[in-house]
Amino acid sequence: MEFKHVPVLLQETIKSLNVKENGIYIDGTIGGGGHSFEIAKLLRPEMGAKLIGLDQDEAAIESSKNKLAPYQSLLTVVRSNYSNIKAVLRELNVDFADGILLDLGVSSHQLDEAERGFSYMDDAPLDMRMDRRNTLSAYEVVNGYSEHDLFRIIKDYGEDRFAQNIAKNIVKKREEGPIKTTFELRDIISASIPMKVKKTGGHPAKRTFQAIRIEVNHELDVLEDTLDTMIDILAPGGRLCIITFHSLEDRIVKTNFKRNEDPCTCPPDFPVCVCGKKSKGRVITRKPIIPTTEEMETNPRSKSAKLRVFERA
């Protein structure tokens, strides 16, 4: 199955990266290669330009290589989570980058390929692993987590006000036998939500499926643990562009960028800074860049997207 993904905030991201024709750029979530293709157009390999793509999804690796075949002289694609960015660059003898991009959205391919178990629209085994080499899948989360832990991830990652009821019903149902498929889980969730809410909101399973996917792939932990590293990797004037699709992701990025811009921990009434913590750069986006109305209409999956940009001093 072809790896399909419509790149979100494409022109806004390319503009924000401020691409230099002799620069080194890293796409930490290369996916189908949509953003990288536009970056590659602006680079000149004869001037030493490089484009490094990372992704943990095997299908994404093959697809991006195919799409970027015209630019293979400057391209290196590595199957790895972006959390390993420093080790990957060390292997490639690269010290700094002029720009780093993360698109944290789930690809259309991953949602549409039923067997991956990401979608509540198709019946499939519970999986949701972006990297199939990992051992933790949605099956283990749904059938192995305690009611308290299920409640926590559905409430925190899914921001679902019926998290307690959903977690209770999952645990109750699995006492009869393992919950094996997306439709089994979908039905449990649906039965946990009042009818009047189901009539007005989106699909009742959306938030819980999102929460389990985030847990399976440790998405928020990886993001939080890697942001400082990515900023440190940037060359002076280099930019880090991050597209988020979840309020918790956006909050992590916003908080981190603000702290790296102003890391001073001195009390507000101190006349001069004595903590010695120096700013690493500046936040370019005081407010996040969001898709245009036209993009949201043509690509509904872009509706929750937010782009934030940090520039290294």
Protein backbone atom coordinates (compact mmCIF):
# COMPACT_ATOMS: atom_id res chain seq x y z
CA MET A 1 0.00 0.00 0.00
CA GLU A 2 1.37 3.42 -0.99
CA PHE A 3 2.39 5.63 1.93
CA LYS A 4 0.06 8.62 1.66
CA HIS A 5 0.29 11.75 3.74
CA VAL A 6 -0.72 15.28 2.82
CA PRO A 7 1.92 17.56 4.36
CA VAL A 8 0.30 20.05 6.73
CA LEU A 9 1.30 23.73 6.85
CA LEU A 10 3.71 23.00 4.01
CA GLN A 11 4.55 26.48 2.73
CA GLU A 12 4.46 27.99 6.22
CA THR A 13 6.96 25.39 7.45
CA ILE A 14 9.36 25.78 4.52
CA LYS A 15 9.30 29.56 4.93
CA SER A 16 9.88 29.25 8.69
CA LEU A 17 12.89 26.96 8.21
CA ASN A 18 14.63 29.79 6.33
CA VAL A 19 16.40 27.24 4.11
CA LYS A 20 19.98 28.01 3.03
CA GLU A 21 21.08 26.34 -0.21
CA ASN A 22 24.27 25.00 1.41
CA GLY A 23 22.65 24.00 4.70
CA ILE A 24 22.15 20.75 6.58
CA TYR A 25 18.52 19.93 7.36
CA ILE A 26 16.90 17.15 9.36
CA ASP A 27 13.34 15.91 8.96
CA GLY A 28 12.84 13.94 12.14
CA THR A 29 9.50 12.48 11.00
CA ILE A 30 10.00 12.18 7.26
CA GLY A 31 6.82 10.18 6.61
CA GLY A 32 6.00 10.21 2.91
CA GLY A 33 8.60 12.91 2.27
CA GLY A 34 6.23 15.78 1.52
CA HIS A 35 7.99 18.44 3.58
CA SER A 36 11.44 17.08 2.73
CA PHE A 37 10.73 17.22 -1.00
CA GLU A 38 10.16 20.98 -0.76
CA ILE A 39 13.30 21.43 1.35
CA ALA A 40 15.36 19.39 -1.13
CA LYS A 41 14.31 21.66 -4.00
CA LEU A 42 16.09 24.55 -2.29
CA LEU A 43 19.35 22.72 -1.53
CA ARG A 44 22.52 22.44 -3.63
CA PRO A 45 24.54 19.28 -2.95
CA GLU A 46 27.57 20.69 -4.80
CA MET A 47 27.74 23.33 -2.05
CA GLY A 48 27.74 20.70 0.70
CA ALA A 49 24.02 20.69 1.44
CA LYS A 50 22.58 17.63 3.18
CA LEU A 51 19.08 16.40 3.96
CA ILE A 52 18.74 13.75 6.67
CA GLY A 53 15.42 12.02 7.19
CA LEU A 54 14.40 9.90 10.16
CA ASP A 55 11.32 7.77 10.69
CA GLN A 56 10.53 4.70 12.76
CA ASP A 57 7.94 3.42 10.26
CA GLU A 58 9.37 1.02 7.67
CA ALA A 59 6.76 1.98 5.06
CA ALA A 60 7.64 5.66 5.49
CA ILE A 61 11.32 4.94 4.86
CA GLU A 62 10.62 3.25 1.52
CA SER A 63 8.09 5.83 0.43
CA SER A 64 10.27 8.83 1.25
CA LYS A 65 13.24 7.30 -0.57
CA ASN A 66 11.09 6.85 -3.67
CA LYS A 67 9.64 10.35 -3.54
CA LEU A 68 13.04 11.93 -2.97
CA ALA A 69 14.86 9.82 -5.58
CA PRO A 70 15.68 12.93 -7.70
CA TYR A 71 17.61 14.30 -4.71
CA GLN A 72 19.44 11.16 -3.62
CA SER A 73 22.83 12.90 -3.91
CA LEU A 74 22.06 14.97 -0.83
CA LEU A 75 19.69 12.57 0.98
CA THR A 76 20.28 10.13 3.85
CA VAL A 77 17.27 8.30 5.31
CA VAL A 78 17.60 6.39 8.59
CA ARG A 79 15.03 4.16 10.25
CA SER A 80 15.04 5.51 13.78
CA ASN A 81 12.97 7.49 16.23
CA TYR A 82 13.90 11.17 16.32
CA SER A 83 14.82 10.68 19.98
CA ASN A 84 18.03 9.12 18.63
CA ILE A 85 18.88 12.21 16.57
CA LYS A 86 22.21 12.88 18.28
CA ALA A 87 23.46 9.31 17.79
CA VAL A 88 22.33 9.33 14.14
CA LEU A 89 24.25 12.54 13.45
CA ARG A 90 27.32 11.15 15.17
CA GLU A 91 27.21 8.13 12.85
CA LEU A 92 26.97 10.48 9.86
CA ASN A 93 29.81 12.72 11.12
CA VAL A 94 27.46 15.71 11.31
CA ASP A 95 27.94 18.13 14.20
CA PHE A 96 25.24 20.73 13.65
CA ALA A 97 22.12 21.34 11.57
CA ASP A 98 20.75 24.53 10.04
CA GLY A 99 17.19 23.36 10.51
CA ILE A 100 15.16 20.58 12.09
CA LEU A 101 11.54 19.71 11.37
CA LEU A 102 9.09 17.51 13.27
CA ASP A 103 5.58 16.79 12.00
CA LEU A 104 4.00 14.96 14.92
CA GLY A 105 0.80 13.95 13.14
CA VAL A 106 -0.17 10.37 12.42
CA SER A 107 0.15 9.81 8.69
CA SER A 108 -2.84 9.18 6.47
CA HIS A 109 -1.17 5.91 5.53
CA GLN A 110 -1.03 4.71 9.11
CA LEU A 111 -4.68 5.61 9.67
CA ASP A 112 -5.88 4.16 6.37
CA GLU A 113 -3.95 0.87 6.51
CA ALA A 114 -6.51 -1.11 8.51
CA GLU A 115 -4.11 -3.79 9.74
CA ARG A 116 -2.08 -1.23 11.69
CA GLY A 117 -4.98 -0.87 14.13
CA PHE A 118 -4.75 2.93 14.41
CA SER A 119 -8.29 3.60 13.24
CA TYR A 120 -11.65 2.93 14.85
CA MET A 121 -13.17 2.93 11.35
CA ASP A 122 -11.76 -0.47 10.35
CA ASP A 123 -11.82 -3.76 12.23
CA ALA A 124 -8.29 -4.96 12.86
CA PRO A 125 -6.08 -6.42 15.59
CA LEU A 126 -5.20 -3.89 18.29
CA ASP A 127 -1.72 -2.65 17.42
CA MET A 128 -1.04 1.11 16.91
CA ARG A 129 2.76 0.72 16.86
CA MET A 130 4.50 3.25 14.66
CA ASP A 131 7.58 1.06 14.88
CA ARG A 132 6.59 -2.59 14.63
CA ARG A 133 9.87 -3.65 16.20
CA ASN A 134 8.60 -2.40 19.56
CA THR A 135 6.99 -4.92 21.90
CA LEU A 136 4.32 -2.70 23.47
CA SER A 137 1.14 -2.56 21.38
CA ALA A 138 -2.42 -1.39 21.98
CA TYR A 139 -3.31 -5.00 22.83
CA GLU A 140 -0.96 -4.96 25.86
CA VAL A 141 -2.22 -1.55 26.99
CA VAL A 142 -5.91 -2.46 26.73
CA ASN A 143 -5.56 -5.91 28.28
CA GLY A 144 -2.70 -5.39 30.70
CA TYR A 145 -2.97 -1.91 32.21
CA SER A 146 -4.76 -1.44 35.52
CA GLU A 147 -8.06 0.44 35.61
CA HIS A 148 -6.26 3.36 37.25
CA ASP A 149 -3.61 3.54 34.51
CA LEU A 150 -6.20 3.25 31.74
CA PHE A 151 -8.18 6.06 33.37
CA ARG A 152 -5.03 8.19 33.60
CA ILE A 153 -3.99 7.88 29.96
CA ILE A 154 -7.54 8.30 28.60
CA LYS A 155 -8.04 11.37 30.78
CA ASP A 156 -4.61 12.94 30.21
CA TYR A 157 -3.84 11.97 26.62
CA GLY A 158 -7.38 11.70 25.30
CA GLU A 159 -8.80 14.54 27.41
CA ASP A 160 -12.03 12.55 27.61
CA ARG A 161 -14.42 13.48 30.42
CA PHE A 162 -15.82 9.93 30.41
CA ALA A 163 -12.37 8.39 30.98
CA GLN A 164 -13.35 6.78 34.27
CA ASN A 165 -16.37 5.04 32.77
CA ILE A 166 -14.41 3.89 29.71
CA ALA A 167 -11.58 2.46 31.82
CA LYS A 168 -14.03 0.67 34.12
CA ASN A 169 -15.88 -0.90 31.18
CA ILE A 170 -12.66 -2.01 29.48
CA VAL A 171 -11.57 -3.84 32.63
CA LYS A 172 -15.03 -5.34 33.09
CA LYS A 173 -15.19 -6.58 29.50
CA ARG A 174 -11.74 -8.14 29.47
CA GLU A 175 -12.71 -10.32 32.43
CA GLU A 176 -14.76 -12.29 29.87
CA GLY A 177 -11.68 -12.71 27.66
CA PRO A 178 -9.01 -10.57 25.93
CA ILE A 179 -10.11 -7.55 23.89
CA LYS A 180 -8.46 -8.28 20.56
CA THR A 181 -9.78 -5.92 17.88
CA THR A 182 -10.40 -2.25 17.21
CA PHE A 183 -14.14 -2.83 16.80
CA GLU A 184 -14.36 -4.63 20.15
CA LEU A 185 -12.67 -1.65 21.80
CA ARG A 186 -14.77 0.83 19.83
CA ASP A 187 -17.98 -0.81 21.02
CA ILE A 188 -16.88 -0.71 24.66
CA ILE A 189 -16.07 2.99 24.38
CA SER A 190 -19.33 3.76 22.62
CA ALA A 191 -21.32 2.00 25.33
CA SER A 192 -19.49 4.08 27.97
CA ILE A 193 -20.67 7.45 26.66
CA PRO A 194 -24.19 8.90 27.08
CA MET A 195 -26.36 8.89 23.96
CA LYS A 196 -26.95 12.64 24.00
CA VAL A 197 -23.19 13.25 23.93
CA LYS A 198 -22.69 10.81 21.05
CA LYS A 199 -25.26 12.73 19.01
CA THR A 200 -23.47 16.06 19.33
CA GLY A 201 -19.74 15.32 19.50
CA GLY A 202 -17.36 13.59 17.10
CA HIS A 203 -16.88 9.85 17.06
CA PRO A 204 -16.92 8.62 20.70
CA ALA A 205 -13.84 6.42 20.18
CA LYS A 206 -11.59 9.14 18.76
CA ARG A 207 -10.17 10.42 22.04
CA THR A 208 -9.51 7.00 23.59
CA PHE A 209 -7.83 5.68 20.43
CA GLN A 210 -5.64 8.79 20.39
CA ALA A 211 -4.74 8.29 24.05
CA ILE A 212 -3.77 4.64 23.58
CA ARG A 213 -1.70 5.48 20.49
CA ILE A 214 0.21 8.15 22.42
CA GLU A 215 0.88 5.67 25.24
CA VAL A 216 1.97 2.86 22.91
CA ASN A 217 4.48 5.08 21.13
CA HIS A 218 5.54 7.15 24.18
CA GLU A 219 4.91 10.22 22.03
CA LEU A 220 4.83 12.88 24.74
CA ASP A 221 7.78 11.49 26.68
CA VAL A 222 9.93 11.31 23.55
CA LEU A 223 9.05 14.89 22.59
CA GLU A 224 9.73 16.30 26.05
CA ASP A 225 13.02 14.41 26.41
CA THR A 226 14.39 15.42 22.98
CA LEU A 227 13.59 19.12 22.54
CA ASP A 228 16.67 20.42 24.38
CA THR A 229 18.90 18.07 22.38
CA MET A 230 17.49 19.34 19.09
CA ILE A 231 18.01 22.97 20.08
CA ASP A 232 21.60 22.17 21.08
CA ILE A 233 22.20 20.57 17.67
CA LEU A 234 21.18 23.74 15.81
CA ALA A 235 23.91 25.92 14.34
CA PRO A 236 23.71 29.67 15.09
CA GLY A 237 20.66 31.02 13.25
CA GLY A 238 19.34 27.50 12.74
CA ARG A 239 15.65 26.87 13.27
CA LEU A 240 13.56 24.14 14.88
CA CYS A 241 10.04 23.85 13.44
CA ILE A 242 7.52 21.62 15.18
CA ILE A 243 3.99 20.85 14.01
CA THR A 244 1.75 19.49 16.77
CA PHE A 245 -1.80 18.11 16.64
CA HIS A 246 -2.58 17.72 20.33
CA SER A 247 -2.92 20.33 23.09
CA LEU A 248 -0.46 18.48 25.35
CA GLU A 249 2.16 18.32 22.58
CA ASP A 250 1.72 22.02 21.88
CA ARG A 251 2.01 22.88 25.58
CA ILE A 252 5.27 20.90 25.85
CA VAL A 253 6.75 22.71 22.84
CA LYS A 254 5.55 26.15 23.96
CA THR A 255 6.93 25.68 27.49
CA ASN A 256 10.27 24.34 26.26
CA PHE A 257 10.79 27.11 23.71
CA LYS A 258 9.98 29.76 26.32
CA ARG A 259 12.43 28.22 28.82
CA ASN A 260 15.22 28.03 26.23
CA GLU A 261 14.64 31.66 25.32
CA ASP A 262 14.57 32.84 28.94
CA PRO A 263 16.13 30.20 31.25
CA CYS A 264 16.86 32.61 34.12
CA THR A 265 15.66 31.21 37.45
CA CYS A 266 16.49 34.26 39.57
CA PRO A 267 13.69 35.79 41.67
CA PRO A 268 11.86 38.56 39.78
CA ASP A 269 13.04 41.22 42.26
CA PHE A 270 16.76 40.53 41.65
CA PRO A 271 18.32 43.58 39.92
CA VAL A 272 20.71 41.39 37.87
CA CYS A 273 20.83 37.73 36.90
CA VAL A 274 23.08 35.63 39.14
CA CYS A 275 21.96 32.09 38.11
CA GLY A 276 24.23 32.20 35.06
CA LYS A 277 21.78 30.50 32.74
CA LYS A 278 22.09 31.86 29.20
CA SER A 279 19.42 32.11 26.53
CA LYS A 280 19.85 29.63 23.66
CA GLY A 281 17.88 31.70 21.18
CA ARG A 282 14.48 33.20 20.53
CA VAL A 283 10.95 32.08 19.88
CA ILE A 284 9.94 33.15 16.35
CA THR A 285 6.24 32.32 16.81
CA ARG A 286 4.73 34.23 19.74
CA LYS A 287 1.47 32.63 18.67
CA PRO A 288 1.45 29.32 16.79
CA ILE A 289 0.92 29.33 13.03
CA ILE A 290 -2.29 27.52 12.14
CA PRO A 291 -3.65 26.29 8.79
CA THR A 292 -5.67 28.57 6.55
CA THR A 293 -9.41 28.03 6.22
CA GLU A 294 -8.77 26.69 2.72
CA GLU A 295 -6.27 24.08 3.97
CA MET A 296 -8.64 22.95 6.72
CA GLU A 297 -11.40 22.49 4.17
CA THR A 298 -9.25 20.52 1.72
CA ASN A 299 -7.42 18.52 4.41
CA PRO A 300 -9.66 18.06 7.50
CA ARG A 301 -6.82 16.31 9.35
CA SER A 302 -4.99 19.65 9.48
CA LYS A 303 -7.61 21.33 11.68
CA SER A 304 -5.78 20.88 14.98
CA ALA A 305 -2.29 21.57 13.58
CA LYS A 306 -0.07 24.23 15.17
CA LEU A 307 3.42 25.23 14.06
CA ARG A 308 5.93 26.72 16.52
CA VAL A 309 9.42 27.88 15.58
CA PHE A 310 12.61 28.45 17.63
CA GLU A 311 15.78 30.10 16.32
CA ARG A 312 19.20 29.31 17.82
CA ALA A 313 21.32 32.23 18.96
